[in-house]
Amino acid sequence: MSEELDRLIHERMRLGIVSALAAEERLSFGDLKAILKTTDGNLSVHARKLENAGYIKVEKGFEDRKPKTEYCLTPTGRRALELYINRMDALLNEAREALERT
C-alpha cells in the first residue's frame, strides 16, 4: 500500500463526524450526538482531535441564554475526507480485482 489512510479520519466516530459535516454545512453538538448515537464525552473527545488537526471548526455561543456549540467542516477537513474516500475507493477496487482473479 503506497498511500496510507488518514488514521485520524479512519476511526469510526471521527469518520462519522466529518461525513455528517460534509453533508450539512453546520451541525450543533446535539444534532451530531443524535446522528452518531454517542455520548457527550465520546463526541467531545473525538471532535477535539478533529479540531486540533484543523479538520473542523467549533463555534460556541448562546441561544435563548443556553450554551450552543456548532461544528463545521473546514476546507482542510473536506480535502482530508476527499483523499480518504479516494484511497478507500482505490483499496476496494483492488480487492474487487483480486477477487475476480480467484
N, C-alpha and C. Protein backbone atom coordinates (compact mmCIF):
# COMPACT_ATOMS: atom_id res chain seq x y z
N MET A 1 0.86 -1.17 0.00
CA MET A 1 0.00 0.00 0.00
C MET A 1 0.90 1.23 0.00
N SER A 2 0.90 1.94 -1.09
CA SER A 2 1.79 3.09 -1.21
C SER A 2 1.27 4.30 -0.44
N GLU A 3 -0.01 4.45 -0.38
CA GLU A 3 -0.60 5.58 0.33
C GLU A 3 -1.28 5.07 1.60
N GLU A 4 -0.98 5.72 2.70
CA GLU A 4 -1.59 5.35 3.96
C GLU A 4 -2.96 6.03 4.11
N LEU A 5 -3.84 5.37 4.82
CA LEU A 5 -5.12 6.00 5.17
C LEU A 5 -4.87 7.02 6.26
N ASP A 6 -5.62 8.08 6.25
CA ASP A 6 -5.55 9.10 7.29
C ASP A 6 -6.08 8.47 8.58
N ARG A 7 -5.18 8.16 9.51
CA ARG A 7 -5.56 7.48 10.75
C ARG A 7 -6.52 8.32 11.60
N LEU A 8 -6.42 9.62 11.48
CA LEU A 8 -7.30 10.49 12.25
C LEU A 8 -8.76 10.31 11.81
N ILE A 9 -8.98 10.24 10.51
CA ILE A 9 -10.34 10.09 9.99
C ILE A 9 -10.79 8.63 10.02
N HIS A 10 -9.87 7.71 9.94
CA HIS A 10 -10.21 6.29 9.83
C HIS A 10 -10.97 5.77 11.05
N GLU A 11 -10.80 6.37 12.19
CA GLU A 11 -11.53 5.94 13.39
C GLU A 11 -13.02 6.19 13.17
N ARG A 12 -13.84 5.21 13.51
CA ARG A 12 -15.27 5.23 13.19
C ARG A 12 -16.00 6.51 13.60
N MET A 13 -15.82 6.96 14.82
CA MET A 13 -16.56 8.13 15.30
C MET A 13 -16.11 9.39 14.56
N ARG A 14 -14.82 9.53 14.34
CA ARG A 14 -14.33 10.72 13.64
C ARG A 14 -14.74 10.71 12.17
N LEU A 15 -14.77 9.54 11.56
CA LEU A 15 -15.27 9.43 10.19
C LEU A 15 -16.74 9.83 10.14
N GLY A 16 -17.49 9.44 11.14
CA GLY A 16 -18.90 9.83 11.22
C GLY A 16 -19.07 11.34 11.35
N ILE A 17 -18.22 11.95 12.16
CA ILE A 17 -18.32 13.40 12.36
C ILE A 17 -18.04 14.14 11.06
N VAL A 18 -16.92 13.83 10.41
CA VAL A 18 -16.58 14.57 9.18
C VAL A 18 -17.56 14.25 8.06
N SER A 19 -18.08 13.04 8.01
CA SER A 19 -19.06 12.68 6.99
C SER A 19 -20.36 13.45 7.19
N ALA A 20 -20.82 13.52 8.43
CA ALA A 20 -22.05 14.26 8.73
C ALA A 20 -21.87 15.74 8.39
N LEU A 21 -20.70 16.28 8.69
CA LEU A 21 -20.45 17.69 8.41
C LEU A 21 -20.22 17.96 6.93
N ALA A 22 -19.84 16.96 6.18
CA ALA A 22 -19.73 17.13 4.73
C ALA A 22 -21.12 17.21 4.11
N ALA A 23 -22.08 16.55 4.73
CA ALA A 23 -23.45 16.53 4.22
C ALA A 23 -24.25 17.77 4.63
N GLU A 24 -23.90 18.34 5.77
CA GLU A 24 -24.59 19.54 6.29
C GLU A 24 -23.55 20.63 6.52
N GLU A 25 -23.89 21.86 6.22
CA GLU A 25 -22.94 22.95 6.37
C GLU A 25 -22.47 23.10 7.81
N ARG A 26 -23.40 22.97 8.75
CA ARG A 26 -23.06 23.05 10.17
C ARG A 26 -24.05 22.24 10.97
N LEU A 27 -23.57 21.69 12.07
CA LEU A 27 -24.42 20.90 12.96
C LEU A 27 -24.13 21.28 14.40
N SER A 28 -25.16 21.25 15.22
CA SER A 28 -24.98 21.51 16.64
C SER A 28 -24.45 20.24 17.32
N PHE A 29 -23.95 20.41 18.52
CA PHE A 29 -23.47 19.29 19.31
C PHE A 29 -24.59 18.26 19.47
N GLY A 30 -25.79 18.74 19.79
CA GLY A 30 -26.93 17.84 19.98
C GLY A 30 -27.30 17.09 18.71
N ASP A 31 -27.24 17.77 17.58
CA ASP A 31 -27.54 17.11 16.30
C ASP A 31 -26.52 16.02 16.00
N LEU A 32 -25.23 16.33 16.17
CA LEU A 32 -24.19 15.34 15.92
C LEU A 32 -24.32 14.15 16.87
N LYS A 33 -24.59 14.45 18.11
CA LYS A 33 -24.75 13.40 19.12
C LYS A 33 -25.89 12.45 18.73
N ALA A 34 -26.99 13.01 18.26
CA ALA A 34 -28.14 12.19 17.85
C ALA A 34 -27.83 11.39 16.58
N ILE A 35 -27.20 12.02 15.60
CA ILE A 35 -26.87 11.35 14.35
C ILE A 35 -25.93 10.17 14.61
N LEU A 36 -24.93 10.40 15.46
CA LEU A 36 -23.91 9.37 15.70
C LEU A 36 -24.27 8.41 16.83
N LYS A 37 -25.36 8.71 17.53
CA LYS A 37 -25.81 7.86 18.64
C LYS A 37 -24.66 7.59 19.62
N THR A 38 -24.13 8.67 20.16
CA THR A 38 -22.98 8.57 21.06
C THR A 38 -23.22 9.39 22.31
N THR A 39 -22.26 9.34 23.20
CA THR A 39 -22.36 10.09 24.46
C THR A 39 -21.71 11.46 24.31
N ASP A 40 -22.02 12.35 25.26
CA ASP A 40 -21.41 13.68 25.27
C ASP A 40 -19.88 13.58 25.29
N GLY A 41 -19.38 12.76 26.21
CA GLY A 41 -17.93 12.64 26.38
C GLY A 41 -17.24 12.10 25.14
N ASN A 42 -17.81 11.07 24.55
CA ASN A 42 -17.22 10.45 23.36
C ASN A 42 -17.18 11.45 22.21
N LEU A 43 -18.27 12.15 21.98
CA LEU A 43 -18.31 13.15 20.91
C LEU A 43 -17.30 14.26 21.18
N SER A 44 -17.23 14.73 22.41
CA SER A 44 -16.31 15.81 22.76
C SER A 44 -14.85 15.43 22.50
N VAL A 45 -14.47 14.23 22.90
CA VAL A 45 -13.09 13.78 22.73
C VAL A 45 -12.72 13.71 21.24
N HIS A 46 -13.58 13.11 20.45
CA HIS A 46 -13.28 12.95 19.02
C HIS A 46 -13.36 14.28 18.27
N ALA A 47 -14.29 15.13 18.63
CA ALA A 47 -14.39 16.44 18.00
C ALA A 47 -13.14 17.27 18.31
N ARG A 48 -12.65 17.17 19.52
CA ARG A 48 -11.44 17.93 19.89
C ARG A 48 -10.24 17.50 19.05
N LYS A 49 -10.10 16.21 18.80
CA LYS A 49 -8.99 15.72 17.97
C LYS A 49 -9.10 16.28 16.55
N LEU A 50 -10.31 16.29 16.02
CA LEU A 50 -10.51 16.84 14.67
C LEU A 50 -10.28 18.35 14.65
N GLU A 51 -10.69 19.02 15.70
CA GLU A 51 -10.47 20.47 15.80
C GLU A 51 -8.97 20.77 15.88
N ASN A 52 -8.25 20.02 16.69
CA ASN A 52 -6.81 20.24 16.85
C ASN A 52 -6.06 20.00 15.53
N ALA A 53 -6.58 19.12 14.70
CA ALA A 53 -5.96 18.85 13.40
C ALA A 53 -6.37 19.89 12.35
N GLY A 54 -7.32 20.74 12.69
CA GLY A 54 -7.79 21.75 11.74
C GLY A 54 -8.83 21.22 10.76
N TYR A 55 -9.41 20.05 11.06
CA TYR A 55 -10.40 19.45 10.17
C TYR A 55 -11.81 20.01 10.39
N ILE A 56 -12.09 20.42 11.62
CA ILE A 56 -13.40 21.02 11.90
C ILE A 56 -13.19 22.32 12.67
N LYS A 57 -14.19 23.18 12.57
CA LYS A 57 -14.20 24.44 13.31
C LYS A 57 -15.32 24.36 14.33
N VAL A 58 -15.05 24.82 15.53
CA VAL A 58 -16.04 24.80 16.60
C VAL A 58 -16.41 26.23 16.95
N GLU A 59 -17.70 26.49 16.98
CA GLU A 59 -18.18 27.82 17.36
C GLU A 59 -19.09 27.67 18.58
N LYS A 60 -18.74 28.39 19.62
CA LYS A 60 -19.53 28.34 20.86
C LYS A 60 -20.23 29.67 21.05
N GLY A 61 -21.46 29.59 21.46
CA GLY A 61 -22.24 30.80 21.69
C GLY A 61 -23.44 30.48 22.56
N PHE A 62 -24.41 31.34 22.50
CA PHE A 62 -25.63 31.16 23.29
C PHE A 62 -26.84 31.34 22.39
N GLU A 63 -27.87 30.57 22.68
CA GLU A 63 -29.15 30.70 22.00
C GLU A 63 -30.22 30.63 23.08
N ASP A 64 -31.01 31.66 23.20
CA ASP A 64 -32.01 31.76 24.26
C ASP A 64 -31.38 31.51 25.64
N ARG A 65 -30.22 32.13 25.83
CA ARG A 65 -29.48 32.06 27.09
C ARG A 65 -28.94 30.67 27.42
N LYS A 66 -28.99 29.77 26.47
CA LYS A 66 -28.42 28.43 26.67
C LYS A 66 -27.16 28.30 25.82
N PRO A 67 -26.15 27.64 26.37
CA PRO A 67 -24.93 27.44 25.57
C PRO A 67 -25.23 26.61 24.33
N LYS A 68 -24.60 26.99 23.22
CA LYS A 68 -24.79 26.25 21.97
C LYS A 68 -23.43 26.09 21.30
N THR A 69 -23.11 24.86 20.96
CA THR A 69 -21.87 24.56 20.26
C THR A 69 -22.22 24.05 18.88
N GLU A 70 -21.60 24.64 17.87
CA GLU A 70 -21.83 24.22 16.49
C GLU A 70 -20.50 23.86 15.84
N TYR A 71 -20.58 22.92 14.91
CA TYR A 71 -19.39 22.44 14.21
C TYR A 71 -19.58 22.61 12.71
N CYS A 72 -18.47 22.87 12.02
CA CYS A 72 -18.49 22.86 10.57
C CYS A 72 -17.15 22.29 10.08
N LEU A 73 -17.19 21.73 8.89
CA LEU A 73 -16.01 21.15 8.28
C LEU A 73 -15.18 22.26 7.65
N THR A 74 -13.89 22.27 7.89
CA THR A 74 -13.00 23.27 7.29
C THR A 74 -12.59 22.80 5.90
N PRO A 75 -12.05 23.69 5.09
CA PRO A 75 -11.52 23.25 3.78
C PRO A 75 -10.46 22.15 3.93
N THR A 76 -9.63 22.24 4.96
CA THR A 76 -8.64 21.20 5.23
C THR A 76 -9.32 19.87 5.54
N GLY A 77 -10.37 19.92 6.33
CA GLY A 77 -11.12 18.71 6.67
C GLY A 77 -11.82 18.11 5.46
N ARG A 78 -12.39 18.97 4.63
CA ARG A 78 -13.07 18.50 3.41
C ARG A 78 -12.07 17.80 2.49
N ARG A 79 -10.90 18.40 2.35
CA ARG A 79 -9.87 17.80 1.48
C ARG A 79 -9.38 16.47 2.07
N ALA A 80 -9.19 16.42 3.38
CA ALA A 80 -8.76 15.18 4.03
C ALA A 80 -9.80 14.07 3.82
N LEU A 81 -11.08 14.42 3.92
CA LEU A 81 -12.14 13.44 3.69
C LEU A 81 -12.14 12.99 2.24
N GLU A 82 -11.97 13.91 1.30
CA GLU A 82 -11.92 13.53 -0.12
C GLU A 82 -10.77 12.56 -0.39
N LEU A 83 -9.59 12.85 0.17
CA LEU A 83 -8.43 11.97 -0.01
C LEU A 83 -8.69 10.60 0.61
N TYR A 84 -9.31 10.60 1.79
CA TYR A 84 -9.63 9.35 2.47
C TYR A 84 -10.59 8.51 1.62
N ILE A 85 -11.64 9.14 1.13
CA ILE A 85 -12.63 8.42 0.31
C ILE A 85 -11.99 7.88 -0.96
N ASN A 86 -11.16 8.69 -1.59
CA ASN A 86 -10.48 8.24 -2.82
C ASN A 86 -9.57 7.05 -2.53
N ARG A 87 -8.85 7.09 -1.41
CA ARG A 87 -7.96 5.97 -1.06
C ARG A 87 -8.77 4.72 -0.74
N MET A 88 -9.86 4.88 -0.01
CA MET A 88 -10.71 3.72 0.31
C MET A 88 -11.31 3.14 -0.97
N ASP A 89 -11.71 3.99 -1.90
CA ASP A 89 -12.25 3.54 -3.17
C ASP A 89 -11.20 2.74 -3.94
N ALA A 90 -9.96 3.22 -3.95
CA ALA A 90 -8.88 2.50 -4.63
C ALA A 90 -8.63 1.15 -3.98
N LEU A 91 -8.67 1.11 -2.66
CA LEU A 91 -8.47 -0.16 -1.95
C LEU A 91 -9.59 -1.16 -2.27
N LEU A 92 -10.81 -0.66 -2.31
CA LEU A 92 -11.95 -1.53 -2.63
C LEU A 92 -11.85 -2.05 -4.06
N ASN A 93 -11.43 -1.19 -4.97
CA ASN A 93 -11.25 -1.63 -6.36
C ASN A 93 -10.17 -2.69 -6.47
N GLU A 94 -9.07 -2.51 -5.73
CA GLU A 94 -8.01 -3.52 -5.72
C GLU A 94 -8.53 -4.85 -5.18
N ALA A 95 -9.33 -4.78 -4.14
CA ALA A 95 -9.89 -6.00 -3.56
C ALA A 95 -10.85 -6.68 -4.54
N ARG A 96 -11.68 -5.90 -5.22
CA ARG A 96 -12.60 -6.47 -6.21
C ARG A 96 -11.83 -7.17 -7.32
N GLU A 97 -10.78 -6.52 -7.81
CA GLU A 97 -9.96 -7.11 -8.87
C GLU A 97 -9.30 -8.41 -8.41
N ALA A 98 -8.82 -8.42 -7.18
CA ALA A 98 -8.19 -9.61 -6.63
C ALA A 98 -9.21 -10.75 -6.53
N LEU A 99 -10.43 -10.42 -6.12
CA LEU A 99 -11.47 -11.44 -6.01
C LEU A 99 -11.85 -12.00 -7.38
N GLU A 100 -11.88 -11.13 -8.36
CA GLU A 100 -12.23 -11.57 -9.71
C GLU A 100 -11.16 -12.49 -10.30
N ARG A 101 -9.92 -12.33 -9.86
CA ARG A 101 -8.84 -13.18 -10.38
C ARG A 101 -8.85 -14.57 -9.75
N THR A 102 -9.53 -14.71 -8.62
CA THR A 102 -9.52 -16.01 -7.94
C THR A 102 -10.68 -16.87 -8.33
